[in-house]
């Protein structure tokens, strides 16, 4: 999206508000200690602060995103400076003794190489009685699940086309078209290629209470149509576009287990 920086960030802030509203009951940030995992440009972090969070920490491995978020904090949200900060790294780099009441992640889990490890790190840092909110998509087996990065043949007309070809063929094709950015596997493009079933298994095995799992959350009629199609036997994997998951740690439990 080619927008001036200020307009782009305003758009991201609107997206952050809509993202939080997709979880059943929304997300209550008021008075909470919040951790934003895969914070990107910081929009969800700033939305949490504006919604009354006691403190907010955003973490992301991309230095350019963290620099952007810090610049916005300084230039636009100076009044939040005493309760918002950003860290370049992943969740394993954070102090495991620091606990958070709300841990949230927007559009990151499909990019994390081993999301099970990330979820375990979130659980370890979640306070007893706290909740984790994870929303992400598209999943790899769903339409445009490669985030259009592979530019697979016929994708304009058949958005599952990246699933029709062997990975080695797709990688070779990508390398021919992008000789300056050669890869040896699709995962090197920042897509973990997890199936919906593998995510569901990860959630079940997390040891956290499952408050809600939303599938194909969307404000458009397309989302309702796709959700109907995924109920057809054999099509669930290919019509699960996104997941919105709320998990909870039992009150009084502040250990990692």
Protein backbone atom coordinates (compact mmCIF):
# COMPACT_ATOMS: atom_id res chain seq x y z
CA UNK A 1 0.00 0.00 0.00
CA UNK A 2 1.62 3.20 -1.23
CA UNK A 3 0.50 5.82 1.27
CA UNK A 4 2.38 8.63 2.99
CA UNK A 5 3.71 7.46 6.35
CA UNK A 6 1.10 9.33 8.41
CA UNK A 7 -1.81 8.05 6.31
CA UNK A 8 -0.40 4.52 6.37
CA UNK A 9 -0.17 4.53 10.16
CA UNK A 10 -3.70 5.92 10.50
CA UNK A 11 -4.86 3.03 8.30
CA UNK A 12 -2.96 0.56 10.51
CA UNK A 13 -4.63 2.04 13.61
CA UNK A 14 -8.08 1.50 12.07
CA UNK A 15 -7.06 -2.07 11.24
CA UNK A 16 -5.91 -2.60 14.85
CA UNK A 17 -9.27 -1.50 16.20
CA UNK A 18 -11.14 -3.80 13.78
CA UNK A 19 -8.77 -6.66 14.62
CA UNK A 20 -9.48 -6.45 18.36
CA UNK A 21 -13.22 -6.25 17.71
CA UNK A 22 -13.15 -9.61 15.90
CA UNK A 23 -12.52 -11.49 19.12
CA UNK A 24 -15.74 -12.52 20.86
CA UNK A 25 -16.43 -9.83 23.45
CA UNK A 26 -13.52 -7.73 22.18
CA UNK A 27 -10.31 -7.24 24.16
CA UNK A 28 -10.38 -5.50 27.53
CA UNK A 29 -7.10 -3.59 27.88
CA UNK A 30 -8.17 -1.31 30.72
CA UNK A 31 -5.66 -1.41 33.58
CA UNK A 32 -3.91 -4.45 32.05
CA UNK A 33 -0.23 -5.16 31.48
CA UNK A 34 -0.09 -5.87 27.75
CA UNK A 35 2.44 -7.67 25.56
CA UNK A 36 2.07 -7.28 21.78
CA UNK A 37 3.91 -10.15 20.04
CA UNK A 38 4.93 -9.45 16.45
CA UNK A 39 3.94 -5.83 16.99
CA UNK A 40 5.08 -4.63 13.56
CA UNK A 41 4.62 -0.88 13.30
CA UNK A 42 3.01 -0.75 16.75
CA UNK A 43 -0.61 -0.05 15.87
CA UNK A 44 -2.09 -2.66 18.24
CA UNK A 45 0.26 -1.48 21.00
CA UNK A 46 -0.92 2.11 20.60
CA UNK A 47 -4.55 0.98 20.39
CA UNK A 48 -4.09 -0.86 23.70
CA UNK A 49 -2.56 2.23 25.31
CA UNK A 50 -5.41 4.40 24.03
CA UNK A 51 -7.84 1.84 25.48
CA UNK A 52 -6.44 2.31 28.99
CA UNK A 53 -3.71 -0.32 29.31
CA UNK A 54 -1.52 0.17 32.39
CA UNK A 55 1.59 -0.74 30.37
CA UNK A 56 2.32 -2.00 26.87
CA UNK A 57 5.39 -3.69 25.44
CA UNK A 58 5.66 -4.45 21.74
CA UNK A 59 8.20 -6.98 20.49
CA UNK A 60 9.17 -7.73 16.89
CA UNK A 61 12.32 -9.20 15.29
CA UNK A 62 12.35 -6.65 12.46
CA UNK A 63 14.47 -3.62 13.35
CA UNK A 64 12.77 -1.41 10.73
CA UNK A 65 9.38 -1.98 12.35
CA UNK A 66 10.67 -1.25 15.84
CA UNK A 67 12.38 1.93 14.65
CA UNK A 68 9.12 3.01 13.00
CA UNK A 69 7.13 2.31 16.19
CA UNK A 70 9.62 4.19 18.36
CA UNK A 71 9.55 7.17 16.02
CA UNK A 72 5.73 7.24 16.12
CA UNK A 73 5.83 6.97 19.92
CA UNK A 74 8.13 9.97 20.08
CA UNK A 75 6.39 12.11 17.44
CA UNK A 76 2.71 11.26 17.89
CA UNK A 77 2.17 9.49 21.20
CA UNK A 78 4.53 11.22 23.59
CA UNK A 79 1.90 11.07 26.33
CA UNK A 80 2.27 7.27 26.31
CA UNK A 81 6.05 7.30 26.68
CA UNK A 82 5.95 6.29 30.35
CA UNK A 83 3.87 3.16 29.69
CA UNK A 84 4.71 2.01 26.14
CA UNK A 85 8.00 0.59 24.90
CA UNK A 86 9.24 -1.50 21.99
CA UNK A 87 11.84 -4.27 21.93
CA UNK A 88 13.61 -5.67 18.88
CA UNK A 89 13.69 -9.46 19.23
CA UNK A 90 11.34 -12.36 19.78
CA UNK A 91 9.50 -13.51 22.86
CA UNK A 92 12.43 -15.66 24.02
CA UNK A 93 14.44 -12.45 24.46
CA UNK A 94 12.05 -11.12 27.09
CA UNK A 95 12.39 -11.67 30.83
CA UNK A 96 10.35 -14.78 31.62
CA UNK A 97 9.67 -13.48 35.15
CA UNK A 98 7.82 -10.44 33.80
CA UNK A 99 4.12 -11.31 33.66
CA UNK A 100 1.40 -9.82 31.48
CA UNK A 101 -2.38 -9.81 31.87
CA UNK A 102 -3.04 -9.65 28.13
CA UNK A 103 -0.79 -11.05 25.41
CA UNK A 104 -1.93 -10.28 21.89
CA UNK A 105 -0.64 -11.07 18.42
CA UNK A 106 -1.97 -9.73 15.13
CA UNK A 107 -1.22 -11.40 11.78
CA UNK A 108 2.06 -12.94 12.94
CA UNK A 109 1.58 -16.63 13.68
CA UNK A 110 1.56 -17.68 10.02
CA UNK A 111 5.04 -16.12 9.73
CA UNK A 112 6.65 -17.49 12.92
CA UNK A 113 8.91 -20.46 12.04
CA UNK A 114 7.91 -22.56 15.07
CA UNK A 115 4.68 -21.10 16.48
CA UNK A 116 4.52 -23.81 19.18
CA UNK A 117 7.66 -22.32 20.75
CA UNK A 118 6.20 -18.83 20.56
CA UNK A 119 2.95 -19.94 22.21
CA UNK A 120 4.93 -21.67 24.97
CA UNK A 121 6.83 -18.41 25.53
CA UNK A 122 3.57 -16.50 25.71
CA UNK A 123 2.19 -18.98 28.22
CA UNK A 124 5.32 -18.63 30.36
CA UNK A 125 4.90 -14.85 30.49
CA UNK A 126 1.13 -14.82 31.03
CA UNK A 127 -0.10 -13.97 34.50
CA UNK A 128 -2.56 -16.28 36.22
CA UNK A 129 -6.06 -15.37 35.06
CA UNK A 130 -4.60 -13.62 32.01
CA UNK A 131 -5.64 -14.15 28.40
CA UNK A 132 -3.87 -14.63 25.08
CA UNK A 133 -5.47 -13.27 21.91
CA UNK A 134 -4.07 -14.56 18.62
CA UNK A 135 -5.53 -13.63 15.23
CA UNK A 136 -3.87 -14.50 11.94
CA UNK A 137 -4.34 -15.54 8.31
CA UNK A 138 -4.42 -16.46 5.53
CA UNK A 139 -3.36 -20.00 6.37
CA UNK A 140 -1.12 -21.64 3.79
CA UNK A 141 -3.74 -24.05 2.40
CA UNK A 142 -6.36 -21.32 2.02
CA UNK A 143 -6.81 -18.84 -0.85
CA UNK A 144 -3.69 -16.72 -1.35
CA UNK A 145 -2.08 -18.65 1.51
CA UNK A 146 1.38 -17.86 0.16
CA UNK A 147 0.58 -14.15 0.64
CA UNK A 148 1.07 -13.91 -3.14
CA UNK A 149 4.84 -14.03 -2.60
CA UNK A 150 5.34 -17.04 -4.88
CA UNK A 151 3.36 -15.53 -7.76
CA UNK A 152 2.26 -19.06 -8.66
CA UNK A 153 0.77 -19.62 -12.14
CA UNK A 154 -2.97 -19.00 -12.52
CA UNK A 155 -3.24 -17.52 -9.00
CA UNK A 156 -5.28 -14.60 -10.26
CA UNK A 157 -8.01 -17.06 -11.30
CA UNK A 158 -7.39 -19.87 -8.81
CA UNK A 159 -6.10 -18.56 -5.44
CA UNK A 160 -5.01 -22.05 -4.31
CA UNK A 161 -2.62 -22.40 -7.27
CA UNK A 162 0.45 -22.42 -4.98
CA UNK A 163 -0.77 -25.84 -3.76
CA UNK A 164 -0.83 -27.35 -7.25
CA UNK A 165 2.92 -27.43 -7.80
CA UNK A 166 5.79 -29.20 -5.98
CA UNK A 167 7.70 -26.92 -3.64
CA UNK A 168 10.98 -27.49 -5.53
CA UNK A 169 9.34 -26.28 -8.75
CA UNK A 170 7.91 -23.19 -7.04
CA UNK A 171 11.29 -22.40 -5.47
CA UNK A 172 13.10 -22.73 -8.80
CA UNK A 173 10.54 -20.51 -10.49
CA UNK A 174 10.83 -17.92 -7.72
CA UNK A 175 14.63 -17.92 -8.01
CA UNK A 176 14.52 -17.42 -11.76
CA UNK A 177 12.29 -14.41 -11.26
CA UNK A 178 14.17 -13.08 -8.23
CA UNK A 179 17.88 -13.84 -8.75
CA UNK A 180 18.83 -11.22 -6.16
CA UNK A 181 16.73 -12.96 -3.48
CA UNK A 182 17.23 -16.68 -3.95
CA UNK A 183 15.63 -19.16 -1.56
CA UNK A 184 15.94 -22.89 -0.95
CA UNK A 185 12.48 -23.37 0.64
CA UNK A 186 9.15 -21.54 0.76
CA UNK A 187 9.65 -21.02 4.51
CA UNK A 188 12.51 -18.65 3.75
CA UNK A 189 9.90 -16.17 2.55
CA UNK A 190 8.57 -15.95 6.10
CA UNK A 191 5.69 -18.40 5.67
CA UNK A 192 5.68 -21.43 7.97
CA UNK A 193 3.27 -23.43 5.73
CA UNK A 194 1.35 -24.84 8.73
CA UNK A 195 -2.00 -26.46 8.04
CA UNK A 196 -5.15 -25.56 9.96
CA UNK A 197 -5.01 -29.00 11.57
CA UNK A 198 -1.52 -28.37 12.85
CA UNK A 199 -2.59 -25.08 14.42
CA UNK A 200 -5.59 -26.74 16.08
CA UNK A 201 -3.27 -29.42 17.47
CA UNK A 202 -0.90 -26.74 18.79
CA UNK A 203 -3.78 -25.03 20.59
CA UNK A 204 -5.07 -28.28 22.09
CA UNK A 205 -1.61 -29.20 23.37
CA UNK A 206 -0.81 -25.75 24.80
CA UNK A 207 -2.10 -26.55 28.29
CA UNK A 208 -4.11 -23.34 28.26
CA UNK A 209 -7.85 -23.07 28.62
CA UNK A 210 -9.60 -22.51 25.29
CA UNK A 211 -12.05 -19.64 25.74
CA UNK A 212 -12.99 -19.33 22.08
CA UNK A 213 -11.81 -20.23 18.60
CA UNK A 214 -13.20 -18.07 15.81
CA UNK A 215 -12.81 -19.25 12.23
CA UNK A 216 -12.98 -17.00 9.16
CA UNK A 217 -13.68 -13.85 11.12
CA UNK A 218 -14.51 -11.15 8.61
CA UNK A 219 -16.69 -8.09 8.11
CA UNK A 220 -17.37 -9.00 4.46
CA UNK A 221 -19.97 -11.37 2.92
CA UNK A 222 -17.01 -13.32 1.46
CA UNK A 223 -16.14 -14.53 4.97
CA UNK A 224 -19.63 -15.95 5.54
CA UNK A 225 -19.57 -17.70 2.16
CA UNK A 226 -16.16 -19.27 2.78
CA UNK A 227 -17.20 -20.41 6.25
CA UNK A 228 -20.16 -22.23 4.72
CA UNK A 229 -17.95 -23.95 2.17
CA UNK A 230 -15.49 -25.16 4.83
CA UNK A 231 -18.28 -27.25 6.36
CA UNK A 232 -18.32 -29.46 3.27
CA UNK A 233 -16.46 -32.72 4.07
CA UNK A 234 -12.93 -32.61 2.70
CA UNK A 235 -12.83 -28.84 2.21
CA UNK A 236 -12.17 -27.66 5.77
CA UNK A 237 -8.42 -27.26 5.24
CA UNK A 238 -8.84 -25.25 2.04
CA UNK A 239 -11.49 -22.85 3.34
CA UNK A 240 -10.03 -22.04 6.76
CA UNK A 241 -8.70 -18.57 5.98
CA UNK A 242 -8.03 -17.23 9.45
CA UNK A 243 -8.15 -18.13 13.12
CA UNK A 244 -9.02 -15.88 16.07
CA UNK A 245 -8.14 -17.68 19.27
CA UNK A 246 -8.63 -16.70 22.92
CA UNK A 247 -6.73 -18.74 25.51
CA UNK A 248 -6.66 -18.38 29.29
CA UNK A 249 -4.32 -19.31 32.12
CA UNK A 250 -5.95 -20.47 35.33
CA UNK A 251 -6.11 -17.81 38.03
CA UNK A 252 -3.39 -18.19 40.64
CA UNK A 253 -1.08 -19.99 38.19
CA UNK A 254 2.03 -17.98 37.38
CA UNK A 255 4.31 -20.84 36.41
CA UNK A 256 5.10 -21.89 32.86
CA UNK A 257 3.13 -25.13 33.21
